[in-house]
mmCIF file of all heavy atoms, coordinates in Angstrom:
data_MODEL
# 
_entry.id   MODEL 
# 
loop_
_atom_site.group_PDB 
_atom_site.id 
_atom_site.type_symbol 
_atom_site.label_atom_id 
_atom_site.label_alt_id 
_atom_site.label_comp_id 
_atom_site.label_asym_id 
_atom_site.label_entity_id 
_atom_site.label_seq_id 
_atom_site.pdbx_PDB_ins_code 
_atom_site.Cartn_x 
_atom_site.Cartn_y 
_atom_site.Cartn_z 
_atom_site.occupancy 
_atom_site.B_iso_or_equiv 
_atom_site.pdbx_formal_charge 
_atom_site.auth_seq_id 
_atom_site.auth_comp_id 
_atom_site.auth_asym_id 
_atom_site.auth_atom_id 
_atom_site.pdbx_PDB_model_num 
ATOM 1   N N   . MET A 1 1  ? -16.170 5.337  -12.443 1.00 0.00 ? 1  MET A N   1 
ATOM 2   C CA  . MET A 1 1  ? -14.891 4.785  -12.028 1.00 0.00 ? 1  MET A CA  1 
ATOM 3   C C   . MET A 1 1  ? -15.049 3.757  -10.919 1.00 0.00 ? 1  MET A C   1 
ATOM 4   O O   . MET A 1 1  ? -16.061 3.712  -10.225 1.00 0.00 ? 1  MET A O   1 
ATOM 5   C CB  . MET A 1 1  ? -13.959 5.887  -11.542 1.00 0.00 ? 1  MET A CB  1 
ATOM 6   C CG  . MET A 1 1  ? -14.406 6.584  -10.274 1.00 0.00 ? 1  MET A CG  1 
ATOM 7   S SD  . MET A 1 1  ? -13.040 7.109  -9.173  1.00 0.00 ? 1  MET A SD  1 
ATOM 8   C CE  . MET A 1 1  ? -12.748 5.623  -8.217  1.00 0.00 ? 1  MET A CE  1 
ATOM 9   N N   . ARG A 1 2  ? -14.020 2.938  -10.784 1.00 0.00 ? 2  ARG A N   1 
ATOM 10  C CA  . ARG A 1 2  ? -13.872 2.118  -9.585  1.00 0.00 ? 2  ARG A CA  1 
ATOM 11  C C   . ARG A 1 2  ? -12.392 2.102  -9.225  1.00 0.00 ? 2  ARG A C   1 
ATOM 12  O O   . ARG A 1 2  ? -11.522 2.178  -10.094 1.00 0.00 ? 2  ARG A O   1 
ATOM 13  C CB  . ARG A 1 2  ? -14.408 0.701  -9.773  1.00 0.00 ? 2  ARG A CB  1 
ATOM 14  C CG  . ARG A 1 2  ? -13.609 -0.196 -10.686 1.00 0.00 ? 2  ARG A CG  1 
ATOM 15  C CD  . ARG A 1 2  ? -14.311 -1.554 -10.829 1.00 0.00 ? 2  ARG A CD  1 
ATOM 16  N NE  . ARG A 1 2  ? -13.531 -2.497 -11.609 1.00 0.00 ? 2  ARG A NE  1 
ATOM 17  C CZ  . ARG A 1 2  ? -12.720 -3.418 -11.089 1.00 0.00 ? 2  ARG A CZ  1 
ATOM 18  N NH1 . ARG A 1 2  ? -12.591 -3.526 -9.771  1.00 0.00 ? 2  ARG A NH1 1 
ATOM 19  N NH2 . ARG A 1 2  ? -12.044 -4.244 -11.863 1.00 0.00 ? 2  ARG A NH2 1 
ATOM 20  N N   . PHE A 1 3  ? -12.116 2.017  -7.933  1.00 0.00 ? 3  PHE A N   1 
ATOM 21  C CA  . PHE A 1 3  ? -10.743 2.027  -7.463  1.00 0.00 ? 3  PHE A CA  1 
ATOM 22  C C   . PHE A 1 3  ? -10.135 0.635  -7.619  1.00 0.00 ? 3  PHE A C   1 
ATOM 23  O O   . PHE A 1 3  ? -10.761 -0.360 -7.272  1.00 0.00 ? 3  PHE A O   1 
ATOM 24  C CB  . PHE A 1 3  ? -10.692 2.461  -5.996  1.00 0.00 ? 3  PHE A CB  1 
ATOM 25  C CG  . PHE A 1 3  ? -9.306  2.440  -5.415  1.00 0.00 ? 3  PHE A CG  1 
ATOM 26  C CD1 . PHE A 1 3  ? -8.401  3.449  -5.698  1.00 0.00 ? 3  PHE A CD1 1 
ATOM 27  C CD2 . PHE A 1 3  ? -8.900  1.400  -4.605  1.00 0.00 ? 3  PHE A CD2 1 
ATOM 28  C CE1 . PHE A 1 3  ? -7.117  3.423  -5.175  1.00 0.00 ? 3  PHE A CE1 1 
ATOM 29  C CE2 . PHE A 1 3  ? -7.625  1.365  -4.072  1.00 0.00 ? 3  PHE A CE2 1 
ATOM 30  C CZ  . PHE A 1 3  ? -6.731  2.379  -4.363  1.00 0.00 ? 3  PHE A CZ  1 
ATOM 31  N N   . LEU A 1 4  ? -8.895  0.586  -8.111  1.00 0.00 ? 4  LEU A N   1 
ATOM 32  C CA  . LEU A 1 4  ? -8.217  -0.687 -8.300  1.00 0.00 ? 4  LEU A CA  1 
ATOM 33  C C   . LEU A 1 4  ? -7.174  -0.940 -7.220  1.00 0.00 ? 4  LEU A C   1 
ATOM 34  O O   . LEU A 1 4  ? -7.226  -1.946 -6.511  1.00 0.00 ? 4  LEU A O   1 
ATOM 35  C CB  . LEU A 1 4  ? -7.553  -0.733 -9.678  1.00 0.00 ? 4  LEU A CB  1 
ATOM 36  C CG  . LEU A 1 4  ? -8.485  -0.715 -10.889 1.00 0.00 ? 4  LEU A CG  1 
ATOM 37  C CD1 . LEU A 1 4  ? -7.664  -0.700 -12.176 1.00 0.00 ? 4  LEU A CD1 1 
ATOM 38  C CD2 . LEU A 1 4  ? -9.424  -1.912 -10.869 1.00 0.00 ? 4  LEU A CD2 1 
ATOM 39  N N   . SER A 1 5  ? -6.211  -0.058 -7.106  1.00 0.00 ? 5  SER A N   1 
ATOM 40  C CA  . SER A 1 5  ? -5.117  -0.271 -6.163  1.00 0.00 ? 5  SER A CA  1 
ATOM 41  C C   . SER A 1 5  ? -4.278  0.997  -6.123  1.00 0.00 ? 5  SER A C   1 
ATOM 42  O O   . SER A 1 5  ? -4.586  1.989  -6.781  1.00 0.00 ? 5  SER A O   1 
ATOM 43  C CB  . SER A 1 5  ? -4.245  -1.450 -6.597  1.00 0.00 ? 5  SER A CB  1 
ATOM 44  O OG  . SER A 1 5  ? -3.595  -1.164 -7.835  1.00 0.00 ? 5  SER A OG  1 
ATOM 45  N N   . ARG A 1 6  ? -3.196  0.942  -5.369  1.00 0.00 ? 6  ARG A N   1 
ATOM 46  C CA  . ARG A 1 6  ? -2.208  2.012  -5.414  1.00 0.00 ? 6  ARG A CA  1 
ATOM 47  C C   . ARG A 1 6  ? -1.170  1.660  -6.471  1.00 0.00 ? 6  ARG A C   1 
ATOM 48  O O   . ARG A 1 6  ? -0.767  0.513  -6.601  1.00 0.00 ? 6  ARG A O   1 
ATOM 49  C CB  . ARG A 1 6  ? -1.549  2.193  -4.054  1.00 0.00 ? 6  ARG A CB  1 
ATOM 50  C CG  . ARG A 1 6  ? -2.507  2.646  -2.958  1.00 0.00 ? 6  ARG A CG  1 
ATOM 51  C CD  . ARG A 1 6  ? -1.755  3.110  -1.741  1.00 0.00 ? 6  ARG A CD  1 
ATOM 52  N NE  . ARG A 1 6  ? -0.936  4.276  -2.026  1.00 0.00 ? 6  ARG A NE  1 
ATOM 53  C CZ  . ARG A 1 6  ? -1.366  5.539  -1.988  1.00 0.00 ? 6  ARG A CZ  1 
ATOM 54  N NH1 . ARG A 1 6  ? -2.617  5.777  -1.683  1.00 0.00 ? 6  ARG A NH1 1 
ATOM 55  N NH2 . ARG A 1 6  ? -0.553  6.530  -2.257  1.00 0.00 ? 6  ARG A NH2 1 
ATOM 56  N N   . VAL A 1 7  ? -0.720  2.685  -7.174  1.00 0.00 ? 7  VAL A N   1 
ATOM 57  C CA  . VAL A 1 7  ? 0.243   2.456  -8.232  1.00 0.00 ? 7  VAL A CA  1 
ATOM 58  C C   . VAL A 1 7  ? 1.661   2.760  -7.756  1.00 0.00 ? 7  VAL A C   1 
ATOM 59  O O   . VAL A 1 7  ? 2.621   2.499  -8.458  1.00 0.00 ? 7  VAL A O   1 
ATOM 60  C CB  . VAL A 1 7  ? -0.111  3.313  -9.474  1.00 0.00 ? 7  VAL A CB  1 
ATOM 61  C CG1 . VAL A 1 7  ? 0.201   4.776  -9.231  1.00 0.00 ? 7  VAL A CG1 1 
ATOM 62  C CG2 . VAL A 1 7  ? 0.579   2.802  -10.730 1.00 0.00 ? 7  VAL A CG2 1 
ATOM 63  N N   . ASP A 1 8  ? 1.781   3.290  -6.551  1.00 0.00 ? 8  ASP A N   1 
ATOM 64  C CA  . ASP A 1 8  ? 3.099   3.685  -6.069  1.00 0.00 ? 8  ASP A CA  1 
ATOM 65  C C   . ASP A 1 8  ? 3.720   2.585  -5.221  1.00 0.00 ? 8  ASP A C   1 
ATOM 66  O O   . ASP A 1 8  ? 3.393   1.408  -5.366  1.00 0.00 ? 8  ASP A O   1 
ATOM 67  C CB  . ASP A 1 8  ? 3.020   5.018  -5.317  1.00 0.00 ? 8  ASP A CB  1 
ATOM 68  C CG  . ASP A 1 8  ? 2.039   4.962  -4.150  1.00 0.00 ? 8  ASP A CG  1 
ATOM 69  O OD1 . ASP A 1 8  ? 1.507   3.866  -3.879  1.00 0.00 ? 8  ASP A OD1 1 
ATOM 70  O OD2 . ASP A 1 8  ? 1.806   5.998  -3.514  1.00 0.00 ? 8  ASP A OD2 1 
ATOM 71  N N   . ASP A 1 9  ? 4.588   2.957  -4.296  1.00 0.00 ? 9  ASP A N   1 
ATOM 72  C CA  . ASP A 1 9  ? 5.412   1.969  -3.604  1.00 0.00 ? 9  ASP A CA  1 
ATOM 73  C C   . ASP A 1 9  ? 4.856   1.533  -2.258  1.00 0.00 ? 9  ASP A C   1 
ATOM 74  O O   . ASP A 1 9  ? 5.604   1.271  -1.329  1.00 0.00 ? 9  ASP A O   1 
ATOM 75  C CB  . ASP A 1 9  ? 6.827   2.530  -3.409  1.00 0.00 ? 9  ASP A CB  1 
ATOM 76  C CG  . ASP A 1 9  ? 6.846   3.743  -2.483  1.00 0.00 ? 9  ASP A CG  1 
ATOM 77  O OD1 . ASP A 1 9  ? 5.776   4.335  -2.234  1.00 0.00 ? 9  ASP A OD1 1 
ATOM 78  O OD2 . ASP A 1 9  ? 7.946   4.107  -2.011  1.00 0.00 ? 9  ASP A OD2 1 
ATOM 79  N N   . GLN A 1 10 ? 3.561   1.435  -2.136  1.00 0.00 ? 10 GLN A N   1 
ATOM 80  C CA  . GLN A 1 10 ? 2.979   1.035  -0.869  1.00 0.00 ? 10 GLN A CA  1 
ATOM 81  C C   . GLN A 1 10 ? 1.934   -0.048 -1.085  1.00 0.00 ? 10 GLN A C   1 
ATOM 82  O O   . GLN A 1 10 ? 1.366   -0.169 -2.165  1.00 0.00 ? 10 GLN A O   1 
ATOM 83  C CB  . GLN A 1 10 ? 2.355   2.236  -0.149  1.00 0.00 ? 10 GLN A CB  1 
ATOM 84  C CG  . GLN A 1 10 ? 3.370   3.309  0.189   1.00 0.00 ? 10 GLN A CG  1 
ATOM 85  C CD  . GLN A 1 10 ? 2.756   4.439  0.982   1.00 0.00 ? 10 GLN A CD  1 
ATOM 86  O OE1 . GLN A 1 10 ? 1.679   4.315  1.536   1.00 0.00 ? 10 GLN A OE1 1 
ATOM 87  N NE2 . GLN A 1 10 ? 3.446   5.571  1.040   1.00 0.00 ? 10 GLN A NE2 1 
ATOM 88  N N   . ILE A 1 11 ? 1.715   -0.818 -0.041  1.00 0.00 ? 11 ILE A N   1 
ATOM 89  C CA  . ILE A 1 11 ? 0.688   -1.856 -0.059  1.00 0.00 ? 11 ILE A CA  1 
ATOM 90  C C   . ILE A 1 11 ? -0.371  -1.484 0.959   1.00 0.00 ? 11 ILE A C   1 
ATOM 91  O O   . ILE A 1 11 ? -0.079  -1.328 2.141   1.00 0.00 ? 11 ILE A O   1 
ATOM 92  C CB  . ILE A 1 11 ? 1.271   -3.240 0.261   1.00 0.00 ? 11 ILE A CB  1 
ATOM 93  C CG1 . ILE A 1 11 ? 2.292   -3.659 -0.807  1.00 0.00 ? 11 ILE A CG1 1 
ATOM 94  C CG2 . ILE A 1 11 ? 0.166   -4.281 0.371   1.00 0.00 ? 11 ILE A CG2 1 
ATOM 95  C CD1 . ILE A 1 11 ? 2.964   -4.993 -0.527  1.00 0.00 ? 11 ILE A CD1 1 
ATOM 96  N N   . ASP A 1 12 ? -1.607  -1.296 0.503   1.00 0.00 ? 12 ASP A N   1 
ATOM 97  C CA  . ASP A 1 12 ? -2.715  -0.920 1.378   1.00 0.00 ? 12 ASP A CA  1 
ATOM 98  C C   . ASP A 1 12 ? -3.406  -2.177 1.884   1.00 0.00 ? 12 ASP A C   1 
ATOM 99  O O   . ASP A 1 12 ? -3.780  -3.042 1.110   1.00 0.00 ? 12 ASP A O   1 
ATOM 100 C CB  . ASP A 1 12 ? -3.706  -0.043 0.605   1.00 0.00 ? 12 ASP A CB  1 
ATOM 101 C CG  . ASP A 1 12 ? -4.706  0.630  1.517   1.00 0.00 ? 12 ASP A CG  1 
ATOM 102 O OD1 . ASP A 1 12 ? -5.441  -0.093 2.196   1.00 0.00 ? 12 ASP A OD1 1 
ATOM 103 O OD2 . ASP A 1 12 ? -4.747  1.874  1.546   1.00 0.00 ? 12 ASP A OD2 1 
ATOM 104 N N   . ILE A 1 13 ? -3.564  -2.265 3.203   1.00 0.00 ? 13 ILE A N   1 
ATOM 105 C CA  . ILE A 1 13 ? -4.212  -3.423 3.819   1.00 0.00 ? 13 ILE A CA  1 
ATOM 106 C C   . ILE A 1 13 ? -5.463  -2.980 4.547   1.00 0.00 ? 13 ILE A C   1 
ATOM 107 O O   . ILE A 1 13 ? -5.397  -2.288 5.574   1.00 0.00 ? 13 ILE A O   1 
ATOM 108 C CB  . ILE A 1 13 ? -3.264  -4.149 4.807   1.00 0.00 ? 13 ILE A CB  1 
ATOM 109 C CG1 . ILE A 1 13 ? -1.988  -4.598 4.101   1.00 0.00 ? 13 ILE A CG1 1 
ATOM 110 C CG2 . ILE A 1 13 ? -3.971  -5.353 5.437   1.00 0.00 ? 13 ILE A CG2 1 
ATOM 111 C CD1 . ILE A 1 13 ? -2.187  -5.645 3.037   1.00 0.00 ? 13 ILE A CD1 1 
ATOM 112 N N   . ALA A 1 14 ? -6.636  -3.352 4.015   1.00 0.00 ? 14 ALA A N   1 
ATOM 113 C CA  . ALA A 1 14 ? -7.937  -3.154 4.662   1.00 0.00 ? 14 ALA A CA  1 
ATOM 114 C C   . ALA A 1 14 ? -8.235  -1.693 4.987   1.00 0.00 ? 14 ALA A C   1 
ATOM 115 O O   . ALA A 1 14 ? -9.089  -1.405 5.821   1.00 0.00 ? 14 ALA A O   1 
ATOM 116 C CB  . ALA A 1 14 ? -8.041  -4.003 5.930   1.00 0.00 ? 14 ALA A CB  1 
ATOM 117 N N   . GLY A 1 15 ? -7.545  -0.757 4.326   1.00 0.00 ? 15 GLY A N   1 
ATOM 118 C CA  . GLY A 1 15 ? -7.796  0.650  4.582   1.00 0.00 ? 15 GLY A CA  1 
ATOM 119 C C   . GLY A 1 15 ? -7.180  1.180  5.859   1.00 0.00 ? 15 GLY A C   1 
ATOM 120 O O   . GLY A 1 15 ? -7.327  2.360  6.178   1.00 0.00 ? 15 GLY A O   1 
ATOM 121 N N   . PHE A 1 16 ? -6.481  0.336  6.627   1.00 0.00 ? 16 PHE A N   1 
ATOM 122 C CA  . PHE A 1 16 ? -5.901  0.763  7.897   1.00 0.00 ? 16 PHE A CA  1 
ATOM 123 C C   . PHE A 1 16 ? -4.476  1.273  7.746   1.00 0.00 ? 16 PHE A C   1 
ATOM 124 O O   . PHE A 1 16 ? -4.067  2.188  8.448   1.00 0.00 ? 16 PHE A O   1 
ATOM 125 C CB  . PHE A 1 16 ? -5.908  -0.403 8.908   1.00 0.00 ? 16 PHE A CB  1 
ATOM 126 C CG  . PHE A 1 16 ? -7.191  -0.517 9.672   1.00 0.00 ? 16 PHE A CG  1 
ATOM 127 C CD1 . PHE A 1 16 ? -8.318  -1.080 9.091   1.00 0.00 ? 16 PHE A CD1 1 
ATOM 128 C CD2 . PHE A 1 16 ? -7.279  -0.072 10.971  1.00 0.00 ? 16 PHE A CD2 1 
ATOM 129 C CE1 . PHE A 1 16 ? -9.499  -1.194 9.786   1.00 0.00 ? 16 PHE A CE1 1 
ATOM 130 C CE2 . PHE A 1 16 ? -8.456  -0.180 11.685  1.00 0.00 ? 16 PHE A CE2 1 
ATOM 131 C CZ  . PHE A 1 16 ? -9.571  -0.737 11.090  1.00 0.00 ? 16 PHE A CZ  1 
ATOM 132 N N   . THR A 1 17 ? -3.689  0.663  6.886   1.00 0.00 ? 17 THR A N   1 
ATOM 133 C CA  . THR A 1 17 ? -2.292  1.044  6.800   1.00 0.00 ? 17 THR A CA  1 
ATOM 134 C C   . THR A 1 17 ? -1.775  0.835  5.390   1.00 0.00 ? 17 THR A C   1 
ATOM 135 O O   . THR A 1 17 ? -2.305  0.008  4.640   1.00 0.00 ? 17 THR A O   1 
ATOM 136 C CB  . THR A 1 17 ? -1.425  0.226  7.783   1.00 0.00 ? 17 THR A CB  1 
ATOM 137 O OG1 . THR A 1 17 ? -0.090  0.718  7.750   1.00 0.00 ? 17 THR A OG1 1 
ATOM 138 C CG2 . THR A 1 17 ? -1.424  -1.245 7.433   1.00 0.00 ? 17 THR A CG2 1 
ATOM 139 N N   . ARG A 1 18 ? -0.764  1.622  5.043   1.00 0.00 ? 18 ARG A N   1 
ATOM 140 C CA  . ARG A 1 18 ? -0.076  1.448  3.775   1.00 0.00 ? 18 ARG A CA  1 
ATOM 141 C C   . ARG A 1 18 ? 1.396   1.217  4.097   1.00 0.00 ? 18 ARG A C   1 
ATOM 142 O O   . ARG A 1 18 ? 2.060   2.090  4.632   1.00 0.00 ? 18 ARG A O   1 
ATOM 143 C CB  . ARG A 1 18 ? -0.274  2.681  2.878   1.00 0.00 ? 18 ARG A CB  1 
ATOM 144 C CG  . ARG A 1 18 ? -1.706  2.841  2.409   1.00 0.00 ? 18 ARG A CG  1 
ATOM 145 C CD  . ARG A 1 18 ? -1.808  3.878  1.309   1.00 0.00 ? 18 ARG A CD  1 
ATOM 146 N NE  . ARG A 1 18 ? -1.546  5.217  1.782   1.00 0.00 ? 18 ARG A NE  1 
ATOM 147 C CZ  . ARG A 1 18 ? -2.481  6.025  2.268   1.00 0.00 ? 18 ARG A CZ  1 
ATOM 148 N NH1 . ARG A 1 18 ? -3.719  5.602  2.370   1.00 0.00 ? 18 ARG A NH1 1 
ATOM 149 N NH2 . ARG A 1 18 ? -2.163  7.243  2.660   1.00 0.00 ? 18 ARG A NH2 1 
ATOM 150 N N   . LEU A 1 19 ? 1.864   0.048  3.775   1.00 0.00 ? 19 LEU A N   1 
ATOM 151 C CA  . LEU A 1 19 ? 3.223   -0.348 4.126   1.00 0.00 ? 19 LEU A CA  1 
ATOM 152 C C   . LEU A 1 19 ? 4.160   -0.108 2.948   1.00 0.00 ? 19 LEU A C   1 
ATOM 153 O O   . LEU A 1 19 ? 3.886   -0.524 1.828   1.00 0.00 ? 19 LEU A O   1 
ATOM 154 C CB  . LEU A 1 19 ? 3.253   -1.829 4.517   1.00 0.00 ? 19 LEU A CB  1 
ATOM 155 C CG  . LEU A 1 19 ? 2.391   -2.214 5.724   1.00 0.00 ? 19 LEU A CG  1 
ATOM 156 C CD1 . LEU A 1 19 ? 2.387   -3.721 5.910   1.00 0.00 ? 19 LEU A CD1 1 
ATOM 157 C CD2 . LEU A 1 19 ? 2.897   -1.540 6.980   1.00 0.00 ? 19 LEU A CD2 1 
ATOM 158 N N   . SER A 1 20 ? 5.277   0.532  3.225   1.00 0.00 ? 20 SER A N   1 
ATOM 159 C CA  . SER A 1 20 ? 6.252   0.825  2.184   1.00 0.00 ? 20 SER A CA  1 
ATOM 160 C C   . SER A 1 20 ? 7.276   -0.295 2.093   1.00 0.00 ? 20 SER A C   1 
ATOM 161 O O   . SER A 1 20 ? 7.403   -1.133 2.987   1.00 0.00 ? 20 SER A O   1 
ATOM 162 C CB  . SER A 1 20 ? 6.963   2.151  2.474   1.00 0.00 ? 20 SER A CB  1 
ATOM 163 O OG  . SER A 1 20 ? 7.786   2.017  3.619   1.00 0.00 ? 20 SER A OG  1 
ATOM 164 N N   . GLU A 1 21 ? 8.025   -0.294 1.009   1.00 0.00 ? 21 GLU A N   1 
ATOM 165 C CA  . GLU A 1 21 ? 9.109   -1.248 0.833   1.00 0.00 ? 21 GLU A CA  1 
ATOM 166 C C   . GLU A 1 21 ? 10.090  -1.162 1.997   1.00 0.00 ? 21 GLU A C   1 
ATOM 167 O O   . GLU A 1 21 ? 10.548  -2.179 2.518   1.00 0.00 ? 21 GLU A O   1 
ATOM 168 C CB  . GLU A 1 21 ? 9.826   -0.963 -0.487  1.00 0.00 ? 21 GLU A CB  1 
ATOM 169 C CG  . GLU A 1 21 ? 11.032  -1.846 -0.754  1.00 0.00 ? 21 GLU A CG  1 
ATOM 170 C CD  . GLU A 1 21 ? 11.728  -1.488 -2.042  1.00 0.00 ? 21 GLU A CD  1 
ATOM 171 O OE1 . GLU A 1 21 ? 11.323  -0.498 -2.684  1.00 0.00 ? 21 GLU A OE1 1 
ATOM 172 O OE2 . GLU A 1 21 ? 12.686  -2.190 -2.417  1.00 0.00 ? 21 GLU A OE2 1 
ATOM 173 N N   . LYS A 1 22 ? 10.372  0.063  2.417   1.00 0.00 ? 22 LYS A N   1 
ATOM 174 C CA  . LYS A 1 22 ? 11.360  0.262  3.477   1.00 0.00 ? 22 LYS A CA  1 
ATOM 175 C C   . LYS A 1 22 ? 10.939  -0.406 4.784   1.00 0.00 ? 22 LYS A C   1 
ATOM 176 O O   . LYS A 1 22 ? 11.743  -1.063 5.448   1.00 0.00 ? 22 LYS A O   1 
ATOM 177 C CB  . LYS A 1 22 ? 11.604  1.759  3.703   1.00 0.00 ? 22 LYS A CB  1 
ATOM 178 C CG  . LYS A 1 22 ? 12.643  2.048  4.786   1.00 0.00 ? 22 LYS A CG  1 
ATOM 179 C CD  . LYS A 1 22 ? 12.834  3.548  5.006   1.00 0.00 ? 22 LYS A CD  1 
ATOM 180 C CE  . LYS A 1 22 ? 13.528  4.182  3.842   1.00 0.00 ? 22 LYS A CE  1 
ATOM 181 N NZ  . LYS A 1 22 ? 13.848  5.616  4.102   1.00 0.00 ? 22 LYS A NZ  1 
ATOM 182 N N   . VAL A 1 23 ? 9.681   -0.248 5.183   1.00 0.00 ? 23 VAL A N   1 
ATOM 183 C CA  . VAL A 1 23 ? 9.277   -0.784 6.489   1.00 0.00 ? 23 VAL A CA  1 
ATOM 184 C C   . VAL A 1 23 ? 9.162   -2.305 6.458   1.00 0.00 ? 23 VAL A C   1 
ATOM 185 O O   . VAL A 1 23 ? 9.490   -2.983 7.439   1.00 0.00 ? 23 VAL A O   1 
ATOM 186 C CB  . VAL A 1 23 ? 7.970   -0.118 6.967   1.00 0.00 ? 23 VAL A CB  1 
ATOM 187 C CG1 . VAL A 1 23 ? 6.748   -0.677 6.253   1.00 0.00 ? 23 VAL A CG1 1 
ATOM 188 C CG2 . VAL A 1 23 ? 7.815   -0.279 8.480   1.00 0.00 ? 23 VAL A CG2 1 
ATOM 189 N N   . ILE A 1 24 ? 8.742   -2.885 5.328   1.00 0.00 ? 24 ILE A N   1 
ATOM 190 C CA  . ILE A 1 24 ? 8.701   -4.349 5.234   1.00 0.00 ? 24 ILE A CA  1 
ATOM 191 C C   . ILE A 1 24 ? 10.117  -4.908 5.259   1.00 0.00 ? 24 ILE A C   1 
ATOM 192 O O   . ILE A 1 24 ? 10.405  -5.915 5.928   1.00 0.00 ? 24 ILE A O   1 
ATOM 193 C CB  . ILE A 1 24 ? 7.958   -4.785 3.948   1.00 0.00 ? 24 ILE A CB  1 
ATOM 194 C CG1 . ILE A 1 24 ? 6.497   -4.328 3.992   1.00 0.00 ? 24 ILE A CG1 1 
ATOM 195 C CG2 . ILE A 1 24 ? 8.020   -6.308 3.788   1.00 0.00 ? 24 ILE A CG2 1 
ATOM 196 C CD1 . ILE A 1 24 ? 5.735   -4.576 2.712   1.00 0.00 ? 24 ILE A CD1 1 
ATOM 197 N N   . TRP A 1 25 ? 11.000  -4.249 4.551   1.00 0.00 ? 25 TRP A N   1 
ATOM 198 C CA  . TRP A 1 25 ? 12.407  -4.666 4.524   1.00 0.00 ? 25 TRP A CA  1 
ATOM 199 C C   . TRP A 1 25 ? 13.002  -4.618 5.937   1.00 0.00 ? 25 TRP A C   1 
ATOM 200 O O   . TRP A 1 25 ? 13.705  -5.525 6.375   1.00 0.00 ? 25 TRP A O   1 
ATOM 201 C CB  . TRP A 1 25 ? 13.190  -3.736 3.600   1.00 0.00 ? 25 TRP A CB  1 
ATOM 202 C CG  . TRP A 1 25 ? 14.422  -4.332 2.994   1.00 0.00 ? 25 TRP A CG  1 
ATOM 203 C CD1 . TRP A 1 25 ? 15.207  -5.330 3.501   1.00 0.00 ? 25 TRP A CD1 1 
ATOM 204 C CD2 . TRP A 1 25 ? 15.013  -3.956 1.742   1.00 0.00 ? 25 TRP A CD2 1 
ATOM 205 N NE1 . TRP A 1 25 ? 16.256  -5.595 2.653   1.00 0.00 ? 25 TRP A NE1 1 
ATOM 206 C CE2 . TRP A 1 25 ? 16.157  -4.769 1.565   1.00 0.00 ? 25 TRP A CE2 1 
ATOM 207 C CE3 . TRP A 1 25 ? 14.691  -3.024 0.777   1.00 0.00 ? 25 TRP A CE3 1 
ATOM 208 C CZ2 . TRP A 1 25 ? 16.983  -4.649 0.451   1.00 0.00 ? 25 TRP A CZ2 1 
ATOM 209 C CZ3 . TRP A 1 25 ? 15.510  -2.906 -0.330  1.00 0.00 ? 25 TRP A CZ3 1 
ATOM 210 C CH2 . TRP A 1 25 ? 16.636  -3.715 -0.494  1.00 0.00 ? 25 TRP A CH2 1 
ATOM 211 N N   . LYS A 1 26 ? 12.699  -3.523 6.652   1.00 0.00 ? 26 LYS A N   1 
ATOM 212 C CA  . LYS A 1 26 ? 13.227  -3.376 8.007   1.00 0.00 ? 26 LYS A CA  1 
ATOM 213 C C   . LYS A 1 26 ? 12.664  -4.442 8.936   1.00 0.00 ? 26 LYS A C   1 
ATOM 214 O O   . LYS A 1 26 ? 13.378  -4.981 9.800   1.00 0.00 ? 26 LYS A O   1 
ATOM 215 C CB  . LYS A 1 26 ? 12.898  -1.984 8.541   1.00 0.00 ? 26 LYS A CB  1 
ATOM 216 C CG  . LYS A 1 26 ? 13.597  -1.654 9.847   1.00 0.00 ? 26 LYS A CG  1 
ATOM 217 C CD  . LYS A 1 26 ? 13.404  -0.184 10.223  1.00 0.00 ? 26 LYS A CD  1 
ATOM 218 C CE  . LYS A 1 26 ? 14.163  0.148  11.496  1.00 0.00 ? 26 LYS A CE  1 
ATOM 219 N NZ  . LYS A 1 26 ? 13.998  1.589  11.867  1.00 0.00 ? 26 LYS A NZ  1 
# 
């Protein structure tokens, strides 16, 4: 296997944080 991405509602940046739709919107 190899990891591709997250399939849910978050955006992972450099392994440090996963930002949700809600926090970007806010």
